[in-house]
Amino acid sequence: MRSPFLGLVQASIAFVALAALTGLHDAAAQDGAAPARPATAQASVSYQEWFTDEAMRIDLFHAGATLDDAYSLDEVVWEPVWPGTRVHLIDPFKFGSYRFRVRDAASGKELFSQGYATLFDEWTGTDEAKAGVRRSMSESVRFPWPRKPVLVQIDRRDKKTGVFQQMYELVVDPASHQISRARPFSSFEVVDLNAGPAPEKAMDVLIVAEGYSPDDRAKLRADLKRFAGLFLDYEPWKSNRERIHIRGIEALSLESGVSEPRKGLFRDSILGSSFNTFDSERYLTVMHTKRLRQIASLAPYDTLFVMANSGRYGGGGVYNQWSVFVSDNEYDDYVMLHEFGHHMGGLADEYYDSAISNDEDLMYPPGVEPWEPNISAFLGKSRHAIKWKDLILASTSIPSAEQSAPEDQVGLFEGAGYKAKGLFRPQKDCKMFHKGLVGFCKVCSRSLVSMLHYYTGEEVKP
């Protein structure tokens, strides 16, 4: 099974789906997921041995409906700088509804992995998807530029078991002439918004402007400065300012504002962002993200904001993809920070009293522990199995009584993840629960700081 694959790589054929050569394609067509390869012993990975200072981005199409989904290749792209971790190359967190793994093509050694979530995964819980309507969305995975041919694998987490199953494979030869080195949108200006460390030592935060016309340039620059300052003045970022580098990209649109389909408003904005995603009134997203990735590649980034020029309340955030916030709403600071919690920390929504557009039981099936670090199904009813048990005092009742608990008490409070019953959150209130004047709870703050250390190469405690 290995020899045809190695032969293709040695012949420098740019990229082929290994599934087409091994029979895995048929299995994937039947049940949506190819069988996983046997696990191999994982030795430590030396960044300098396996990677350069550049980055590789694989742009993909993700298509399907509720009962099946599949990836297909758009293109492989060179980027000039890898700003991410050079220490924690194998994902220490295990978050995400999907993950990708990068292996040495010759030996099978795992070199890099990272979990992520997708807007597509949310789409599968909508009535339209359950009715069998198929849609496609663009997604990207990005990793350090490999020195040798690699095998890129994508795994999907089974919603009923929580176990990852392999669904896609791709061989990439970094020497191929078919890898794109185009630099579109290079006329857009990149601005430094604080004096942060070099990319390999920083958590690099990038804000890309959306819905600003050339006439809005002064407002764009003022908004970039305002939100960068807001971000750095808020905990846990305020205590970690020296680890963070924020940049902005002055991406200009032909029209001001973003689309609002329910109002019949459609704008020719650079990223095509829109409210009413999945017909949810406040959900503002970028569904087709290739242009976003092209523009973002002009600057180093680990985490990615889209700053939408709008006064309407709304936003969105997807783990290890992007977060979107609005520029001119009375709650714009809350939206920025809350959505960043989703995107950067993999944090779940802790509220349970607002309707959403997809099936809550499909998102969080009963009897399955969520992967997010800040909510729990409390399976087994044991306090020793709670993710944040070390922050719970022995005197705290489990589950915890909300009425009598102090505001700063960590416990197990029922109501989270859009469900009033069956899911629990760590504290009574949190930035992931409520849009009032409240900070991130202790569990969310700890998770965010741990993720920051992941990017800066410091010790990580998942």
Protein backbone atom coordinates (compact mmCIF):
# COMPACT_ATOMS: atom_id res chain seq x y z
CA MET A 1 0.00 0.00 0.00
CA ARG A 2 2.87 2.38 0.66
CA SER A 3 4.98 1.89 -2.45
CA PRO A 4 2.71 3.57 -5.05
CA PHE A 5 2.37 6.57 -2.74
CA LEU A 6 6.10 6.91 -2.24
CA GLY A 7 6.70 6.54 -5.93
CA LEU A 8 4.44 9.47 -6.71
CA VAL A 9 6.15 11.67 -4.18
CA GLN A 10 9.60 10.76 -5.45
CA ALA A 11 8.42 11.65 -8.95
CA SER A 12 7.53 15.11 -7.62
CA ILE A 13 3.89 14.95 -8.63
CA ALA A 14 2.57 17.95 -6.77
CA PHE A 15 -0.40 16.62 -4.82
CA VAL A 16 -2.75 13.67 -5.15
CA ALA A 17 -5.46 12.37 -2.91
CA LEU A 18 -4.00 9.21 -1.41
CA ALA A 19 -7.55 7.87 -1.12
CA ALA A 20 -7.70 7.45 -4.89
CA LEU A 21 -4.69 5.11 -4.78
CA THR A 22 -5.51 2.94 -1.78
CA GLY A 23 -9.24 2.22 -1.90
CA LEU A 24 -10.00 4.61 0.94
CA HIS A 25 -12.03 6.74 -1.48
CA ASP A 26 -14.74 4.07 -1.65
CA ALA A 27 -14.97 3.84 2.14
CA ALA A 28 -15.26 7.60 2.44
CA ALA A 29 -18.04 7.68 -0.13
CA GLN A 30 -20.01 5.09 1.86
CA ASP A 31 -19.86 6.51 5.35
CA GLY A 32 -18.27 9.97 5.06
CA ALA A 33 -15.01 9.03 6.77
CA ALA A 34 -12.00 6.99 5.68
CA PRO A 35 -10.54 4.53 8.17
CA ALA A 36 -7.85 6.06 10.33
CA ARG A 37 -4.27 4.91 9.99
CA PRO A 38 -2.76 3.00 12.90
CA ALA A 39 -1.15 5.28 15.44
CA THR A 40 2.62 5.37 15.45
CA ALA A 41 4.96 6.21 18.30
CA GLN A 42 5.51 9.96 18.40
CA ALA A 43 9.01 11.24 19.02
CA SER A 44 9.72 14.91 19.62
CA VAL A 45 9.73 17.15 16.56
CA SER A 46 12.55 19.58 15.85
CA TYR A 47 11.18 22.65 14.07
CA GLN A 48 14.44 23.48 12.28
CA GLU A 49 14.87 19.92 11.07
CA TRP A 50 11.47 19.70 9.43
CA PHE A 51 10.31 23.26 8.65
CA THR A 52 11.48 26.59 7.26
CA ASP A 53 10.40 30.09 8.39
CA GLU A 54 7.70 30.25 5.71
CA ALA A 55 4.12 28.95 5.79
CA MET A 56 1.99 26.64 3.65
CA ARG A 57 -1.75 27.22 3.29
CA ILE A 58 -4.11 24.67 1.82
CA ASP A 59 -7.38 26.17 0.59
CA LEU A 60 -10.23 23.68 0.54
CA PHE A 61 -13.89 23.38 -0.33
CA HIS A 62 -16.06 21.78 2.35
CA ALA A 63 -19.37 20.50 1.00
CA GLY A 64 -22.33 18.35 2.01
CA ALA A 65 -25.38 18.28 4.25
CA THR A 66 -26.31 16.81 7.65
CA LEU A 67 -25.50 13.17 6.99
CA ASP A 68 -22.33 13.57 4.96
CA ASP A 69 -19.54 16.00 4.24
CA ALA A 70 -16.37 15.93 2.21
CA TYR A 71 -13.33 18.06 1.39
CA SER A 72 -11.89 18.82 -2.03
CA LEU A 73 -8.78 20.77 -2.93
CA ASP A 74 -8.85 24.36 -4.15
CA GLU A 75 -5.12 25.15 -4.16
CA VAL A 76 -1.90 25.01 -2.15
CA VAL A 77 -0.39 28.42 -1.41
CA TRP A 78 2.99 29.72 -0.22
CA GLU A 79 3.05 32.43 2.45
CA PRO A 80 6.24 34.30 3.38
CA VAL A 81 6.11 33.96 7.20
CA TRP A 82 5.10 31.26 9.66
CA PRO A 83 4.22 33.25 12.81
CA GLY A 84 2.83 30.37 14.86
CA THR A 85 4.23 28.05 17.47
CA ARG A 86 7.64 26.52 16.92
CA VAL A 87 7.53 24.58 20.17
CA HIS A 88 4.10 22.93 20.56
CA LEU A 89 4.00 21.38 17.10
CA ILE A 90 1.68 18.54 18.11
CA ASP A 91 -1.61 20.00 19.34
CA PRO A 92 -1.66 19.82 23.17
CA PHE A 93 -5.32 20.86 23.52
CA LYS A 94 -7.30 18.36 21.42
CA PHE A 95 -10.07 20.95 20.87
CA GLY A 96 -12.18 21.23 17.76
CA SER A 97 -14.80 19.39 15.73
CA TYR A 98 -12.06 18.77 13.15
CA ARG A 99 -8.29 18.50 13.20
CA PHE A 100 -5.53 18.29 10.63
CA ARG A 101 -2.26 16.42 10.93
CA VAL A 102 0.90 16.84 8.87
CA ARG A 103 3.12 13.76 8.45
CA ASP A 104 6.44 13.17 6.77
CA ALA A 105 5.49 11.44 3.52
CA ALA A 106 8.36 8.97 3.64
CA SER A 107 8.29 7.80 7.26
CA GLY A 108 4.78 8.69 8.44
CA LYS A 109 6.18 10.65 11.39
CA GLU A 110 3.68 13.21 12.68
CA LEU A 111 5.21 16.68 12.41
CA PHE A 112 2.36 19.08 13.16
CA SER A 113 -1.29 18.99 14.19
CA GLN A 114 -3.99 21.45 15.11
CA GLY A 115 -7.68 21.26 15.95
CA TYR A 116 -10.27 23.61 14.53
CA ALA A 117 -14.01 24.13 14.18
CA THR A 118 -15.96 25.09 11.07
CA LEU A 119 -18.95 27.15 10.08
CA PHE A 120 -19.89 24.18 7.93
CA ASP A 121 -20.28 22.02 11.04
CA GLU A 122 -22.85 24.49 12.36
CA TRP A 123 -24.60 24.44 8.99
CA THR A 124 -25.21 20.67 9.27
CA GLY A 125 -27.60 21.28 12.18
CA THR A 126 -29.91 23.62 10.25
CA ASP A 127 -33.32 22.55 8.94
CA GLU A 128 -32.12 23.17 5.40
CA ALA A 129 -29.17 20.81 5.79
CA LYS A 130 -31.32 18.17 7.48
CA ALA A 131 -33.67 18.38 4.50
CA GLY A 132 -30.77 17.27 2.30
CA VAL A 133 -29.79 20.60 0.74
CA ARG A 134 -26.06 20.49 0.04
CA ARG A 135 -23.86 23.57 0.37
CA SER A 136 -20.16 24.30 0.04
CA MET A 137 -17.97 26.65 2.03
CA SER A 138 -14.31 27.53 1.78
CA GLU A 139 -11.86 26.71 4.55
CA SER A 140 -8.09 26.71 4.96
CA VAL A 141 -5.50 24.92 7.03
CA ARG A 142 -2.07 26.46 7.56
CA PHE A 143 1.21 25.14 8.94
CA PRO A 144 4.97 25.76 8.71
CA TRP A 145 6.53 25.23 5.29
CA PRO A 146 7.88 21.65 5.19
CA ARG A 147 11.37 20.89 3.94
CA LYS A 148 10.22 17.55 2.46
CA PRO A 149 7.01 16.12 0.95
CA VAL A 150 4.24 15.70 3.50
CA LEU A 151 0.95 13.92 3.90
CA VAL A 152 -1.84 16.18 5.20
CA GLN A 153 -4.73 14.38 6.88
CA ILE A 154 -8.04 15.83 8.06
CA ASP A 155 -10.06 14.09 10.76
CA ARG A 156 -13.65 14.72 11.85
CA ARG A 157 -14.82 14.25 15.43
CA ASP A 158 -17.72 11.83 15.64
CA LYS A 159 -20.56 13.68 17.37
CA LYS A 160 -21.85 10.57 19.15
CA THR A 161 -18.54 9.24 20.47
CA GLY A 162 -16.23 12.26 20.48
CA VAL A 163 -13.59 10.18 18.65
CA PHE A 164 -11.77 11.54 15.59
CA GLN A 165 -12.14 9.66 12.30
CA GLN A 166 -10.02 10.30 9.25
CA MET A 167 -11.88 11.70 6.23
CA TYR A 168 -9.34 13.26 3.82
CA GLU A 169 -5.69 12.90 2.76
CA LEU A 170 -3.46 14.92 0.49
CA VAL A 171 0.18 14.57 -0.52
CA VAL A 172 2.05 17.85 -1.00
CA ASP A 173 5.54 18.26 -2.41
CA PRO A 174 6.90 21.70 -1.37
CA ALA A 175 9.14 21.73 -4.46
CA SER A 176 6.17 21.66 -6.84
CA HIS A 177 5.80 24.45 -9.39
CA GLN A 178 2.02 24.11 -9.03
CA ILE A 179 2.01 25.72 -5.59
CA SER A 180 0.78 29.30 -5.90
CA ARG A 181 3.12 32.09 -4.92
CA ALA A 182 0.80 34.89 -6.04
CA ARG A 183 0.40 37.85 -3.67
CA PRO A 184 -3.05 39.33 -4.37
CA PHE A 185 -4.23 42.50 -2.61
CA SER A 186 -0.65 43.56 -1.93
CA SER A 187 -1.64 47.21 -2.35
CA PHE A 188 -3.51 47.11 0.96
CA GLU A 189 -1.58 48.77 3.77
CA VAL A 190 -0.52 46.83 6.87
CA VAL A 191 -0.28 48.95 10.03
CA ASP A 192 1.34 48.14 13.36
CA LEU A 193 -1.04 48.89 16.21
CA ASN A 194 1.32 48.24 19.12
CA ALA A 195 5.01 47.62 19.70
CA GLY A 196 4.91 43.85 20.05
CA PRO A 197 7.59 41.16 19.82
CA ALA A 198 8.70 39.33 16.68
CA PRO A 199 6.23 36.82 15.18
CA GLU A 200 7.91 33.71 16.59
CA LYS A 201 7.76 35.16 20.12
CA ALA A 202 4.30 36.75 20.00
CA MET A 203 0.66 35.98 19.78
CA ASP A 204 0.09 37.82 16.52
CA VAL A 205 -3.39 39.34 16.31
CA LEU A 206 -4.58 40.66 12.95
CA ILE A 207 -7.61 42.89 12.32
CA VAL A 208 -8.86 42.96 8.72
CA ALA A 209 -11.21 45.79 7.80
CA GLU A 210 -14.51 44.90 6.10
CA GLY A 211 -17.11 47.21 4.58
CA TYR A 212 -15.00 50.38 4.55
CA SER A 213 -15.02 52.32 1.29
CA PRO A 214 -12.16 54.65 0.27
CA ASP A 215 -14.21 57.52 1.73
CA ASP A 216 -14.16 55.70 5.10
CA ARG A 217 -10.37 55.52 5.34
CA ALA A 218 -10.09 57.96 8.27
CA LYS A 219 -12.79 56.09 10.18
CA LEU A 220 -11.09 52.78 9.38
CA ARG A 221 -7.80 53.95 10.90
CA ALA A 222 -9.52 55.36 13.97
CA ASP A 223 -11.48 52.13 14.46
CA LEU A 224 -8.33 50.00 14.20
CA LYS A 225 -6.62 52.05 16.91
CA ARG A 226 -9.68 52.05 19.15
CA PHE A 227 -10.25 48.31 19.09
CA ALA A 228 -6.56 47.45 19.43
CA GLY A 229 -6.46 49.62 22.54
CA LEU A 230 -9.66 48.11 23.88
CA PHE A 231 -8.28 44.61 23.40
CA LEU A 232 -4.99 45.32 25.17
CA ASP A 233 -6.75 47.02 28.10
CA TYR A 234 -8.92 43.97 28.83
CA GLU A 235 -7.93 40.94 30.88
CA PRO A 236 -6.37 38.50 30.39
CA TRP A 237 -4.66 40.45 27.59
CA LYS A 238 -3.80 43.48 29.72
CA SER A 239 -1.51 41.41 31.94
CA ASN A 240 0.11 39.89 28.85
CA ARG A 241 0.57 42.97 26.65
CA GLU A 242 4.28 42.31 26.17
CA ARG A 243 3.44 38.96 24.52
CA ILE A 244 0.97 40.35 21.98
CA HIS A 245 1.53 42.05 18.62
CA ILE A 246 -1.52 43.57 16.93
CA ARG A 247 -1.60 44.62 13.29
CA GLY A 248 -4.34 45.86 11.02
CA ILE A 249 -4.94 45.68 7.28
CA GLU A 250 -6.65 48.60 5.60
CA ALA A 251 -8.69 46.47 3.22
CA LEU A 252 -11.04 48.72 1.25
CA SER A 253 -14.45 47.83 -0.20
CA LEU A 254 -16.35 49.36 -3.09
CA GLU A 255 -19.29 50.10 -0.79
CA SER A 256 -19.67 50.97 2.89
CA GLY A 257 -21.32 48.53 5.27
CA VAL A 258 -22.12 44.82 5.12
CA SER A 259 -25.05 42.84 3.77
CA GLU A 260 -28.31 42.45 5.72
CA PRO A 261 -30.52 40.10 3.68
CA ARG A 262 -33.61 40.36 5.90
CA LYS A 263 -33.64 44.10 5.21
CA GLY A 264 -32.95 43.64 1.50
CA LEU A 265 -29.54 45.31 1.88
CA PHE A 266 -26.63 43.84 -0.09
CA ARG A 267 -23.21 45.50 -0.11
CA ASP A 268 -20.23 44.98 -2.39
CA SER A 269 -17.78 44.53 0.48
CA ILE A 270 -14.30 43.11 0.10
CA LEU A 271 -15.01 39.95 2.15
CA GLY A 272 -18.71 39.51 1.38
CA SER A 273 -19.66 39.27 5.04
CA SER A 274 -23.35 39.12 5.89
CA PHE A 275 -25.80 39.13 8.75
CA ASN A 276 -28.54 36.47 8.85
CA THR A 277 -26.13 33.57 8.41
CA PHE A 278 -28.30 30.43 8.44
CA ASP A 279 -31.17 32.94 8.70
CA SER A 280 -30.12 33.81 12.26
CA GLU A 281 -30.82 37.51 12.79
CA ARG A 282 -27.59 38.48 14.61
CA TYR A 283 -25.17 35.98 13.09
CA LEU A 284 -22.58 37.93 11.07
CA THR A 285 -20.00 35.76 9.31
CA VAL A 286 -17.70 35.35 6.35
CA MET A 287 -18.90 32.16 4.70
CA HIS A 288 -16.41 32.06 1.81
CA THR A 289 -13.05 32.79 3.36
CA LYS A 290 -10.47 32.44 0.59
CA ARG A 291 -10.25 36.19 0.01
CA LEU A 292 -9.94 36.74 3.76
CA ARG A 293 -6.98 34.35 3.85
CA GLN A 294 -5.38 36.02 0.84
CA ILE A 295 -5.60 39.45 2.45
CA ALA A 296 -4.52 38.17 5.88
CA SER A 297 -1.40 36.60 4.39
CA LEU A 298 0.01 40.12 3.92
CA ALA A 299 0.85 40.17 7.65
CA PRO A 300 1.90 37.65 10.30
CA TYR A 301 -1.12 36.33 12.20
CA ASP A 302 -2.02 33.62 14.67
CA THR A 303 -5.53 34.89 15.33
CA LEU A 304 -7.78 36.76 12.95
CA PHE A 305 -10.40 39.46 13.49
CA VAL A 306 -12.76 40.83 10.85
CA MET A 307 -13.84 44.37 11.80
CA ALA A 308 -17.17 45.02 10.05
CA ASN A 309 -18.21 48.61 9.42
CA SER A 310 -21.72 48.40 10.87
CA GLY A 311 -23.78 49.75 13.74
CA ARG A 312 -26.03 46.71 13.99
CA TYR A 313 -25.55 44.23 16.85
CA GLY A 314 -24.02 40.96 15.75
CA GLY A 315 -20.90 38.93 15.09
CA GLY A 316 -19.47 35.42 15.00
CA GLY A 317 -16.43 33.39 15.94
CA VAL A 318 -15.14 29.95 14.92
CA TYR A 319 -12.25 28.17 16.66
CA ASN A 320 -8.96 28.56 14.79
CA GLN A 321 -10.72 30.19 11.82
CA TRP A 322 -11.79 33.82 12.44
CA SER A 323 -13.92 36.13 14.56
CA VAL A 324 -16.17 38.93 13.30
CA PHE A 325 -17.30 42.00 15.24
CA VAL A 326 -19.07 45.25 14.41
CA SER A 327 -17.54 48.69 14.73
CA ASP A 328 -20.33 50.98 15.89
CA ASN A 329 -22.76 49.21 18.22
CA GLU A 330 -23.14 50.00 21.91
CA TYR A 331 -22.01 46.43 22.62
CA ASP A 332 -19.21 46.32 20.06
CA ASP A 333 -16.55 45.82 22.76
CA TYR A 334 -18.46 42.85 24.16
CA VAL A 335 -18.93 41.34 20.70
CA MET A 336 -15.23 41.70 19.89
CA LEU A 337 -14.06 39.99 23.07
CA HIS A 338 -16.79 37.33 23.20
CA GLU A 339 -16.28 36.22 19.59
CA PHE A 340 -12.52 36.17 20.09
CA GLY A 341 -13.12 33.74 22.97
CA HIS A 342 -14.69 31.34 20.48
CA HIS A 343 -12.02 31.81 17.85
CA MET A 344 -8.85 31.91 19.91
CA GLY A 345 -9.74 29.82 22.98
CA GLY A 346 -12.25 27.33 21.62
CA LEU A 347 -14.70 28.60 24.25
CA ALA A 348 -18.36 27.63 24.05
CA ASP A 349 -21.34 29.90 24.49
CA GLU A 350 -22.47 29.57 28.09
CA TYR A 351 -25.90 31.16 27.65
CA TYR A 352 -29.00 29.02 27.22
CA ASP A 353 -31.92 31.42 26.83
CA SER A 354 -31.47 32.56 23.21
CA ALA A 355 -32.71 30.64 20.20
CA ILE A 356 -30.17 29.53 17.61
CA SER A 357 -30.63 28.42 14.02
CA ASN A 358 -29.33 24.89 14.36
CA ASP A 359 -30.18 21.77 16.35
CA GLU A 360 -28.83 21.99 19.91
CA ASP A 361 -28.83 18.20 20.28
CA LEU A 362 -26.83 17.85 17.07
CA MET A 363 -24.29 20.39 18.36
CA TYR A 364 -24.14 18.85 21.84
CA PRO A 365 -25.57 15.32 21.76
CA PRO A 366 -26.85 14.09 25.14
CA GLY A 367 -24.42 11.72 26.80
CA VAL A 368 -21.32 13.15 25.09
CA GLU A 369 -18.83 15.41 26.87
CA PRO A 370 -18.28 18.62 24.86
CA TRP A 371 -14.73 19.28 23.71
CA GLU A 372 -14.84 22.96 24.71
CA PRO A 373 -12.93 23.71 27.94
CA ASN A 374 -15.64 25.83 29.63
CA ILE A 375 -18.76 23.64 29.51
CA SER A 376 -19.42 20.11 30.73
CA ALA A 377 -22.11 17.44 30.53
CA PHE A 378 -21.07 16.21 34.01
CA LEU A 379 -21.09 12.59 32.88
CA GLY A 380 -20.67 10.05 35.65
CA LYS A 381 -21.75 12.70 38.18
CA SER A 382 -18.24 12.78 39.68
CA ARG A 383 -16.61 16.05 40.74
CA HIS A 384 -13.22 14.43 40.13
CA ALA A 385 -14.01 14.23 36.41
CA ILE A 386 -14.91 17.92 36.01
CA LYS A 387 -12.49 19.69 33.66
CA TRP A 388 -11.94 22.58 36.09
CA LYS A 389 -12.04 20.52 39.31
CA ASP A 390 -8.80 22.08 40.61
CA LEU A 391 -10.53 25.48 40.80
CA ILE A 392 -13.52 24.19 42.81
CA LEU A 393 -13.32 24.46 46.60
CA ALA A 394 -14.09 21.31 48.58
CA SER A 395 -16.90 23.19 50.32
CA THR A 396 -18.66 24.03 47.02
CA SER A 397 -21.74 21.91 46.30
CA ILE A 398 -21.85 20.04 43.00
CA PRO A 399 -24.00 20.88 41.09
CA SER A 400 -23.85 24.41 42.47
CA ALA A 401 -26.76 26.52 43.66
CA GLU A 402 -26.78 29.69 41.58
CA GLN A 403 -28.84 31.83 43.95
CA SER A 404 -26.54 31.57 46.96
CA ALA A 405 -23.15 31.35 45.22
CA PRO A 406 -20.71 34.30 45.34
CA GLU A 407 -20.03 35.93 41.97
CA ASP A 408 -16.42 34.71 41.87
CA GLN A 409 -17.10 31.15 42.99
CA VAL A 410 -16.10 28.37 40.60
CA GLY A 411 -18.51 25.47 40.67
CA LEU A 412 -20.85 23.64 38.33
CA PHE A 413 -23.85 25.75 37.35
CA GLU A 414 -26.54 24.19 35.20
CA GLY A 415 -27.39 25.93 31.96
CA ALA A 416 -24.87 26.30 29.12
CA GLY A 417 -24.38 25.59 25.43
CA TYR A 418 -27.92 26.73 24.52
CA LYS A 419 -29.42 24.19 26.94
CA ALA A 420 -31.07 24.98 30.27
CA LYS A 421 -30.65 21.37 31.40
CA GLY A 422 -27.87 18.82 30.92
CA LEU A 423 -24.92 21.17 30.33
CA PHE A 424 -22.99 23.12 32.98
CA ARG A 425 -20.76 26.20 33.14
CA PRO A 426 -18.02 27.10 35.67
CA GLN A 427 -19.34 30.37 37.17
CA LYS A 428 -22.60 32.24 37.45
CA ASP A 429 -21.50 34.89 34.98
CA CYS A 430 -18.82 35.31 32.32
CA LYS A 431 -18.06 37.13 29.09
CA MET A 432 -19.16 33.91 27.33
CA PHE A 433 -22.51 34.01 29.18
CA HIS A 434 -23.65 37.60 29.36
CA LYS A 435 -23.07 40.87 27.54
CA GLY A 436 -23.08 43.02 30.66
CA LEU A 437 -20.04 44.53 32.38
CA VAL A 438 -18.47 41.21 33.28
CA GLY A 439 -15.08 39.68 32.52
CA PHE A 440 -14.08 36.19 31.49
CA CYS A 441 -14.58 33.69 34.30
CA LYS A 442 -11.58 32.00 35.92
CA VAL A 443 -11.86 28.90 33.75
CA CYS A 444 -12.15 30.84 30.49
CA SER A 445 -9.33 33.19 31.48
CA ARG A 446 -7.03 30.31 32.27
CA SER A 447 -7.82 28.64 28.97
CA LEU A 448 -7.14 31.85 27.03
CA VAL A 449 -3.80 32.40 28.77
CA SER A 450 -2.80 28.81 28.08
CA MET A 451 -3.59 29.31 24.40
CA LEU A 452 -1.55 32.52 24.38
CA HIS A 453 1.41 30.57 25.80
CA TYR A 454 0.94 28.04 23.02
CA TYR A 455 1.61 30.75 20.45
CA THR A 456 4.50 32.31 22.35
CA GLY A 457 6.24 28.98 22.96
CA GLU A 458 5.90 29.02 26.73
CA GLU A 459 4.75 26.18 28.97
CA VAL A 460 1.20 25.07 28.22
CA LYS A 461 -1.21 23.47 30.67
CA PRO A 462 -4.18 22.14 28.62
